[in-house]
Amino acid sequence: AAERQRNYLLSQLRKTESMAEEETTKAEKSMNRAWSAVEKANQVVEERRRAIQEKINARDKRLADLAARKAREKLEKEEQIQSHFDFVKKRQEMKKKQDVERLTQVEQQLAVKDRMIDEQINRANQERIAKTTEMSERRNNKSRQAR
């Protein structure tokens, strides 16, 4: 009877161990599934984080490109303004130079006219003096002849 009791208890022990192993296996499987789900969730989170970071990087690049383009346009505009300013300044200098040249030409022309007028006046004076001298000589000759 003790032997039967012992065999019965051993049999019960084996059943309990077998059930415990099954439960442990079920728990391990369940834990493995849970762990797999956690890993999958982590992958999804990482992929989302990466996608968001890529969007942020793309936006930052667009903003940087836009800022660079705006800066380049501003520099080009400033260069155009400076170029136009230089052109206007050069044109004004050329105009002043041309005005000075014209004034110099006018002054030279006036000087030539003044010389011509002076020469005409001198000739007229010489002619008048010559006529006066001639008339004086005629008078003197007439008065000599009359004596």
N, C-alpha and C. Protein backbone atom coordinates (compact mmCIF):
# COMPACT_ATOMS: atom_id res chain seq x y z
N ALA A 1 0.83 -1.18 0.00
CA ALA A 1 0.00 0.00 0.00
C ALA A 1 0.88 1.25 0.00
N ALA A 2 1.97 1.17 0.72
CA ALA A 2 2.86 2.32 0.76
C ALA A 2 3.49 2.52 -0.61
N GLU A 3 3.78 1.38 -1.26
CA GLU A 3 4.39 1.46 -2.59
C GLU A 3 3.40 2.07 -3.55
N ARG A 4 2.15 1.67 -3.48
CA ARG A 4 1.14 2.22 -4.36
C ARG A 4 0.97 3.70 -4.11
N GLN A 5 0.96 4.02 -2.82
CA GLN A 5 0.83 5.43 -2.43
C GLN A 5 2.00 6.23 -3.00
N ARG A 6 3.16 5.64 -2.88
CA ARG A 6 4.38 6.30 -3.35
C ARG A 6 4.30 6.46 -4.87
N ASN A 7 3.93 5.45 -5.61
CA ASN A 7 3.82 5.52 -7.06
C ASN A 7 2.77 6.55 -7.46
N TYR A 8 1.66 6.56 -6.72
CA TYR A 8 0.60 7.51 -7.00
C TYR A 8 1.12 8.93 -6.82
N LEU A 9 1.83 9.18 -5.74
CA LEU A 9 2.38 10.51 -5.46
C LEU A 9 3.42 10.89 -6.52
N LEU A 10 4.26 9.92 -6.92
CA LEU A 10 5.25 10.19 -7.97
C LEU A 10 4.53 10.53 -9.28
N SER A 11 3.48 9.79 -9.56
CA SER A 11 2.71 10.02 -10.77
C SER A 11 2.09 11.43 -10.70
N GLN A 12 1.54 11.78 -9.55
CA GLN A 12 0.95 13.11 -9.37
C GLN A 12 2.04 14.20 -9.52
N LEU A 13 3.21 13.92 -8.97
CA LEU A 13 4.34 14.85 -9.05
C LEU A 13 4.74 15.06 -10.51
N ARG A 14 4.81 13.92 -11.29
CA ARG A 14 5.18 14.03 -12.70
C ARG A 14 4.13 14.83 -13.47
N LYS A 15 2.85 14.59 -13.14
CA LYS A 15 1.78 15.35 -13.81
C LYS A 15 1.91 16.83 -13.49
N THR A 16 2.18 17.13 -12.23
CA THR A 16 2.31 18.53 -11.79
C THR A 16 3.51 19.17 -12.48
N GLU A 17 4.63 18.42 -12.54
CA GLU A 17 5.82 18.95 -13.22
C GLU A 17 5.54 19.17 -14.70
N SER A 18 4.83 18.21 -15.31
CA SER A 18 4.50 18.32 -16.72
C SER A 18 3.60 19.54 -16.94
N MET A 19 2.62 19.72 -16.06
CA MET A 19 1.72 20.87 -16.17
C MET A 19 2.51 22.16 -15.96
N ALA A 20 3.44 22.11 -14.99
CA ALA A 20 4.26 23.30 -14.71
C ALA A 20 5.11 23.64 -15.93
N GLU A 21 5.67 22.58 -16.58
CA GLU A 21 6.48 22.80 -17.77
C GLU A 21 5.63 23.40 -18.89
N GLU A 22 4.40 22.86 -19.04
CA GLU A 22 3.50 23.39 -20.07
C GLU A 22 3.18 24.85 -19.78
N GLU A 23 2.88 25.13 -18.52
CA GLU A 23 2.56 26.51 -18.13
C GLU A 23 3.77 27.41 -18.35
N THR A 24 4.96 26.90 -17.98
CA THR A 24 6.19 27.68 -18.19
C THR A 24 6.38 27.93 -19.67
N THR A 25 6.18 26.91 -20.50
CA THR A 25 6.32 27.05 -21.94
C THR A 25 5.31 28.06 -22.46
N LYS A 26 4.05 27.97 -21.98
CA LYS A 26 3.03 28.93 -22.39
C LYS A 26 3.43 30.34 -21.98
N ALA A 27 3.93 30.46 -20.75
CA ALA A 27 4.34 31.77 -20.24
C ALA A 27 5.52 32.30 -21.06
N GLU A 28 6.47 31.40 -21.38
CA GLU A 28 7.61 31.83 -22.19
C GLU A 28 7.15 32.28 -23.58
N LYS A 29 6.22 31.49 -24.15
CA LYS A 29 5.71 31.85 -25.47
C LYS A 29 4.99 33.20 -25.39
N SER A 30 4.19 33.35 -24.36
CA SER A 30 3.45 34.60 -24.17
C SER A 30 4.42 35.77 -23.98
N MET A 31 5.46 35.51 -23.16
CA MET A 31 6.46 36.54 -22.92
C MET A 31 7.22 36.85 -24.21
N ASN A 32 7.53 35.81 -24.99
CA ASN A 32 8.21 36.03 -26.26
C ASN A 32 7.35 36.86 -27.22
N ARG A 33 6.04 36.54 -27.24
CA ARG A 33 5.13 37.31 -28.09
C ARG A 33 5.09 38.77 -27.62
N ALA A 34 5.00 38.95 -26.31
CA ALA A 34 4.96 40.30 -25.75
C ALA A 34 6.26 41.05 -26.10
N TRP A 35 7.38 40.35 -25.93
CA TRP A 35 8.67 40.98 -26.24
C TRP A 35 8.76 41.33 -27.72
N SER A 36 8.26 40.44 -28.57
CA SER A 36 8.24 40.68 -30.01
C SER A 36 7.39 41.91 -30.32
N ALA A 37 6.23 42.00 -29.64
CA ALA A 37 5.35 43.16 -29.83
C ALA A 37 6.06 44.44 -29.40
N VAL A 38 6.79 44.37 -28.28
CA VAL A 38 7.53 45.54 -27.79
C VAL A 38 8.60 45.94 -28.81
N GLU A 39 9.34 44.94 -29.33
CA GLU A 39 10.37 45.25 -30.32
C GLU A 39 9.76 45.85 -31.58
N LYS A 40 8.62 45.30 -32.00
CA LYS A 40 7.93 45.83 -33.18
C LYS A 40 7.50 47.28 -32.93
N ALA A 41 6.95 47.53 -31.75
CA ALA A 41 6.53 48.89 -31.39
C ALA A 41 7.74 49.83 -31.39
N ASN A 42 8.87 49.35 -30.85
CA ASN A 42 10.08 50.17 -30.84
C ASN A 42 10.55 50.49 -32.26
N GLN A 43 10.45 49.48 -33.15
CA GLN A 43 10.83 49.71 -34.55
C GLN A 43 9.94 50.76 -35.20
N VAL A 44 8.62 50.63 -34.92
CA VAL A 44 7.66 51.60 -35.49
C VAL A 44 7.99 53.00 -34.98
N VAL A 45 8.25 53.10 -33.66
CA VAL A 45 8.58 54.40 -33.08
C VAL A 45 9.86 54.95 -33.71
N GLU A 46 10.86 54.10 -33.87
CA GLU A 46 12.14 54.53 -34.46
C GLU A 46 11.96 54.98 -35.90
N GLU A 47 11.14 54.22 -36.67
CA GLU A 47 10.88 54.61 -38.06
C GLU A 47 10.16 55.95 -38.12
N ARG A 48 9.18 56.14 -37.23
CA ARG A 48 8.46 57.43 -37.18
C ARG A 48 9.40 58.56 -36.82
N ARG A 49 10.27 58.30 -35.82
CA ARG A 49 11.23 59.32 -35.39
C ARG A 49 12.16 59.68 -36.56
N ARG A 50 12.62 58.66 -37.28
CA ARG A 50 13.50 58.87 -38.42
C ARG A 50 12.78 59.67 -39.52
N ALA A 51 11.52 59.30 -39.79
CA ALA A 51 10.74 60.01 -40.82
C ALA A 51 10.54 61.47 -40.43
N ILE A 52 10.22 61.70 -39.16
CA ILE A 52 10.02 63.08 -38.68
C ILE A 52 11.33 63.85 -38.79
N GLN A 53 12.44 63.21 -38.40
CA GLN A 53 13.75 63.88 -38.48
C GLN A 53 14.10 64.22 -39.93
N GLU A 54 13.77 63.31 -40.86
CA GLU A 54 14.03 63.58 -42.28
C GLU A 54 13.21 64.78 -42.75
N LYS A 55 11.94 64.85 -42.32
CA LYS A 55 11.10 66.00 -42.68
C LYS A 55 11.69 67.29 -42.13
N ILE A 56 12.13 67.23 -40.86
CA ILE A 56 12.74 68.42 -40.24
C ILE A 56 14.00 68.82 -41.01
N ASN A 57 14.83 67.83 -41.34
CA ASN A 57 16.06 68.12 -42.08
C ASN A 57 15.75 68.74 -43.44
N ALA A 58 14.73 68.17 -44.13
CA ALA A 58 14.35 68.69 -45.44
C ALA A 58 13.84 70.13 -45.32
N ARG A 59 13.03 70.39 -44.29
CA ARG A 59 12.52 71.75 -44.08
C ARG A 59 13.67 72.71 -43.77
N ASP A 60 14.58 72.27 -42.90
CA ASP A 60 15.74 73.11 -42.57
C ASP A 60 16.57 73.41 -43.81
N LYS A 61 16.73 72.41 -44.68
CA LYS A 61 17.51 72.61 -45.91
C LYS A 61 16.80 73.61 -46.82
N ARG A 62 15.46 73.46 -46.94
CA ARG A 62 14.71 74.42 -47.77
C ARG A 62 14.85 75.83 -47.22
N LEU A 63 14.74 75.95 -45.88
CA LEU A 63 14.88 77.27 -45.27
C LEU A 63 16.28 77.84 -45.50
N ALA A 64 17.29 76.99 -45.37
CA ALA A 64 18.67 77.44 -45.59
C ALA A 64 18.87 77.85 -47.05
N ASP A 65 18.31 77.05 -47.98
CA ASP A 65 18.41 77.39 -49.40
C ASP A 65 17.71 78.72 -49.69
N LEU A 66 16.52 78.89 -49.08
CA LEU A 66 15.77 80.13 -49.27
C LEU A 66 16.56 81.32 -48.73
N ALA A 67 17.11 81.16 -47.53
CA ALA A 67 17.90 82.25 -46.94
C ALA A 67 19.11 82.56 -47.80
N ALA A 68 19.76 81.53 -48.32
CA ALA A 68 20.93 81.74 -49.18
C ALA A 68 20.52 82.46 -50.46
N ARG A 69 19.38 82.05 -51.04
CA ARG A 69 18.91 82.69 -52.27
C ARG A 69 18.58 84.16 -52.01
N LYS A 70 17.89 84.41 -50.88
CA LYS A 70 17.54 85.80 -50.54
C LYS A 70 18.80 86.64 -50.36
N ALA A 71 19.78 86.07 -49.66
CA ALA A 71 21.04 86.79 -49.43
C ALA A 71 21.74 87.06 -50.76
N ARG A 72 21.75 86.05 -51.64
CA ARG A 72 22.38 86.21 -52.95
C ARG A 72 21.66 87.30 -53.76
N GLU A 73 20.31 87.28 -53.73
CA GLU A 73 19.53 88.29 -54.45
C GLU A 73 19.82 89.68 -53.89
N LYS A 74 19.91 89.77 -52.57
CA LYS A 74 20.19 91.07 -51.94
C LYS A 74 21.56 91.58 -52.37
N LEU A 75 22.56 90.68 -52.37
CA LEU A 75 23.91 91.08 -52.81
C LEU A 75 23.90 91.52 -54.27
N GLU A 76 23.18 90.76 -55.12
CA GLU A 76 23.11 91.13 -56.53
C GLU A 76 22.45 92.49 -56.70
N LYS A 77 21.38 92.74 -55.93
CA LYS A 77 20.69 94.02 -56.02
C LYS A 77 21.61 95.15 -55.57
N GLU A 78 22.34 94.92 -54.45
CA GLU A 78 23.28 95.94 -53.98
C GLU A 78 24.37 96.19 -55.01
N GLU A 79 24.84 95.12 -55.67
CA GLU A 79 25.85 95.28 -56.72
C GLU A 79 25.29 96.07 -57.89
N GLN A 80 24.02 95.79 -58.26
CA GLN A 80 23.39 96.54 -59.35
C GLN A 80 23.26 98.01 -58.99
N ILE A 81 22.84 98.27 -57.74
CA ILE A 81 22.69 99.66 -57.29
C ILE A 81 24.04 100.35 -57.32
N GLN A 82 25.08 99.68 -56.81
CA GLN A 82 26.42 100.26 -56.80
C GLN A 82 26.90 100.50 -58.22
N SER A 83 26.64 99.53 -59.10
CA SER A 83 27.04 99.67 -60.50
C SER A 83 26.33 100.86 -61.14
N HIS A 84 25.02 100.99 -60.88
CA HIS A 84 24.26 102.11 -61.42
C HIS A 84 24.79 103.43 -60.86
N PHE A 85 25.07 103.45 -59.55
CA PHE A 85 25.61 104.64 -58.91
C PHE A 85 26.94 105.03 -59.55
N ASP A 86 27.80 104.03 -59.75
CA ASP A 86 29.10 104.29 -60.39
C ASP A 86 28.90 104.82 -61.81
N PHE A 87 27.94 104.22 -62.54
CA PHE A 87 27.66 104.66 -63.90
C PHE A 87 27.20 106.12 -63.91
N VAL A 88 26.26 106.45 -63.01
CA VAL A 88 25.74 107.83 -62.95
C VAL A 88 26.87 108.79 -62.59
N LYS A 89 27.69 108.39 -61.63
CA LYS A 89 28.81 109.24 -61.21
C LYS A 89 29.77 109.46 -62.38
N LYS A 90 30.10 108.37 -63.09
CA LYS A 90 31.00 108.47 -64.24
C LYS A 90 30.40 109.37 -65.31
N ARG A 91 29.09 109.21 -65.55
CA ARG A 91 28.42 110.02 -66.56
C ARG A 91 28.45 111.50 -66.17
N GLN A 92 28.23 111.78 -64.86
CA GLN A 92 28.29 113.16 -64.40
C GLN A 92 29.70 113.73 -64.57
N GLU A 93 30.71 112.91 -64.25
CA GLU A 93 32.09 113.36 -64.42
C GLU A 93 32.38 113.64 -65.90
N MET A 94 31.89 112.74 -66.78
CA MET A 94 32.10 112.95 -68.21
C MET A 94 31.39 114.23 -68.67
N LYS A 95 30.16 114.44 -68.15
CA LYS A 95 29.40 115.64 -68.51
C LYS A 95 30.16 116.88 -68.05
N LYS A 96 30.68 116.84 -66.81
CA LYS A 96 31.47 117.98 -66.32
C LYS A 96 32.68 118.20 -67.21
N LYS A 97 33.35 117.11 -67.57
CA LYS A 97 34.53 117.20 -68.42
C LYS A 97 34.15 117.80 -69.77
N GLN A 98 33.01 117.32 -70.33
CA GLN A 98 32.55 117.85 -71.61
C GLN A 98 32.19 119.33 -71.47
N ASP A 99 31.52 119.67 -70.35
CA ASP A 99 31.16 121.08 -70.11
C ASP A 99 32.42 121.93 -70.03
N VAL A 100 33.43 121.43 -69.32
CA VAL A 100 34.70 122.17 -69.21
C VAL A 100 35.33 122.31 -70.59
N GLU A 101 35.30 121.22 -71.36
CA GLU A 101 35.86 121.28 -72.72
C GLU A 101 35.10 122.29 -73.57
N ARG A 102 33.76 122.29 -73.47
CA ARG A 102 32.94 123.24 -74.23
C ARG A 102 33.27 124.67 -73.80
N LEU A 103 33.36 124.87 -72.47
CA LEU A 103 33.69 126.21 -71.97
C LEU A 103 35.06 126.64 -72.50
N THR A 104 36.00 125.71 -72.47
CA THR A 104 37.34 126.02 -72.98
C THR A 104 37.27 126.39 -74.46
N GLN A 105 36.48 125.63 -75.23
CA GLN A 105 36.32 125.94 -76.66
C GLN A 105 35.69 127.31 -76.85
N VAL A 106 34.63 127.58 -76.05
CA VAL A 106 33.95 128.88 -76.16
C VAL A 106 34.92 130.00 -75.79
N GLU A 107 35.69 129.78 -74.71
CA GLU A 107 36.67 130.80 -74.31
C GLU A 107 37.69 131.02 -75.41
N GLN A 108 38.14 129.92 -76.03
CA GLN A 108 39.10 130.05 -77.12
C GLN A 108 38.49 130.81 -78.30
N GLN A 109 37.22 130.48 -78.61
CA GLN A 109 36.54 131.16 -79.71
C GLN A 109 36.38 132.65 -79.40
N LEU A 110 36.01 132.93 -78.13
CA LEU A 110 35.87 134.34 -77.73
C LEU A 110 37.21 135.06 -77.80
N ALA A 111 38.28 134.38 -77.38
CA ALA A 111 39.61 134.99 -77.45
C ALA A 111 39.97 135.29 -78.91
N VAL A 112 39.66 134.36 -79.81
CA VAL A 112 39.93 134.58 -81.24
C VAL A 112 39.12 135.77 -81.74
N LYS A 113 37.83 135.83 -81.37
CA LYS A 113 36.98 136.95 -81.78
C LYS A 113 37.51 138.27 -81.20
N ASP A 114 37.92 138.23 -79.92
CA ASP A 114 38.49 139.44 -79.30
C ASP A 114 39.71 139.91 -80.08
N ARG A 115 40.61 138.98 -80.45
CA ARG A 115 41.79 139.34 -81.23
C ARG A 115 41.40 139.94 -82.58
N MET A 116 40.39 139.31 -83.22
CA MET A 116 39.94 139.82 -84.52
C MET A 116 39.38 141.23 -84.36
N ILE A 117 38.58 141.42 -83.30
CA ILE A 117 37.99 142.75 -83.06
C ILE A 117 39.11 143.76 -82.78
N ASP A 118 40.07 143.34 -81.93
CA ASP A 118 41.20 144.23 -81.63
C ASP A 118 41.96 144.58 -82.91
N GLU A 119 42.17 143.58 -83.78
CA GLU A 119 42.87 143.83 -85.04
C GLU A 119 42.07 144.79 -85.91
N GLN A 120 40.73 144.59 -85.96
CA GLN A 120 39.88 145.49 -86.75
C GLN A 120 39.95 146.91 -86.20
N ILE A 121 39.90 147.00 -84.84
CA ILE A 121 39.98 148.33 -84.21
C ILE A 121 41.33 148.98 -84.54
N ASN A 122 42.41 148.18 -84.42
CA ASN A 122 43.74 148.70 -84.72
C ASN A 122 43.83 149.16 -86.18
N ARG A 123 43.30 148.35 -87.10
CA ARG A 123 43.31 148.73 -88.52
C ARG A 123 42.51 150.01 -88.73
N ALA A 124 41.31 150.03 -88.09
CA ALA A 124 40.47 151.22 -88.24
C ALA A 124 41.20 152.45 -87.69
N ASN A 125 41.85 152.29 -86.53
CA ASN A 125 42.60 153.41 -85.95
C ASN A 125 43.74 153.83 -86.87
N GLN A 126 44.46 152.85 -87.42
CA GLN A 126 45.57 153.16 -88.32
C GLN A 126 45.06 153.86 -89.58
N GLU A 127 43.90 153.37 -90.09
CA GLU A 127 43.31 154.02 -91.27
C GLU A 127 42.90 155.45 -90.93
N ARG A 128 42.29 155.64 -89.75
CA ARG A 128 41.87 156.97 -89.34
C ARG A 128 43.08 157.89 -89.19
N ILE A 129 44.12 157.33 -88.54
CA ILE A 129 45.35 158.12 -88.36
C ILE A 129 45.95 158.45 -89.73
N ALA A 130 45.95 157.43 -90.61
CA ALA A 130 46.50 157.67 -91.95
C ALA A 130 45.68 158.73 -92.68
N LYS A 131 44.36 158.70 -92.59
CA LYS A 131 43.49 159.68 -93.25
C LYS A 131 43.71 161.06 -92.63
N THR A 132 43.78 161.05 -91.29
CA THR A 132 43.98 162.32 -90.59
C THR A 132 45.32 162.92 -91.01
N THR A 133 46.33 162.07 -91.04
CA THR A 133 47.66 162.54 -91.45
C THR A 133 47.61 163.03 -92.89
N GLU A 134 46.95 162.29 -93.75
CA GLU A 134 46.83 162.67 -95.16
C GLU A 134 46.09 163.99 -95.29
N MET A 135 45.00 164.13 -94.52
CA MET A 135 44.21 165.37 -94.58
C MET A 135 45.04 166.53 -94.04
N SER A 136 45.79 166.27 -93.02
CA SER A 136 46.65 167.29 -92.43
C SER A 136 47.70 167.73 -93.45
N GLU A 137 48.28 166.76 -94.13
CA GLU A 137 49.29 167.06 -95.13
C GLU A 137 48.67 167.84 -96.29
N ARG A 138 47.48 167.50 -96.70
CA ARG A 138 46.79 168.22 -97.78
C ARG A 138 46.54 169.67 -97.36
N ARG A 139 46.06 169.81 -96.10
CA ARG A 139 45.82 171.17 -95.61
C ARG A 139 47.12 171.98 -95.60
N ASN A 140 48.14 171.29 -95.09
CA ASN A 140 49.45 171.97 -95.04
C ASN A 140 49.91 172.31 -96.47
N ASN A 141 49.71 171.37 -97.40
CA ASN A 141 50.09 171.61 -98.79
C ASN A 141 49.27 172.75 -99.39
N LYS A 142 47.98 172.79 -99.10
CA LYS A 142 47.10 173.84 -99.63
C LYS A 142 47.53 175.18 -99.04
N SER A 143 47.83 175.15 -97.74
CA SER A 143 48.23 176.43 -97.13
C SER A 143 49.59 176.85 -97.66
N ARG A 144 50.50 175.97 -98.00
CA ARG A 144 51.79 176.30 -98.58
C ARG A 144 51.58 176.83 -100.00
N GLN A 145 50.66 176.18 -100.71
CA GLN A 145 50.39 176.62 -102.08
C GLN A 145 49.71 177.99 -102.06
N ALA A 146 48.89 178.17 -101.08
CA ALA A 146 48.16 179.43 -101.00
C ALA A 146 49.13 180.55 -100.63
N ARG A 147 50.20 180.35 -100.04
CA ARG A 147 51.16 181.39 -99.67
C ARG A 147 51.98 181.71 -100.81
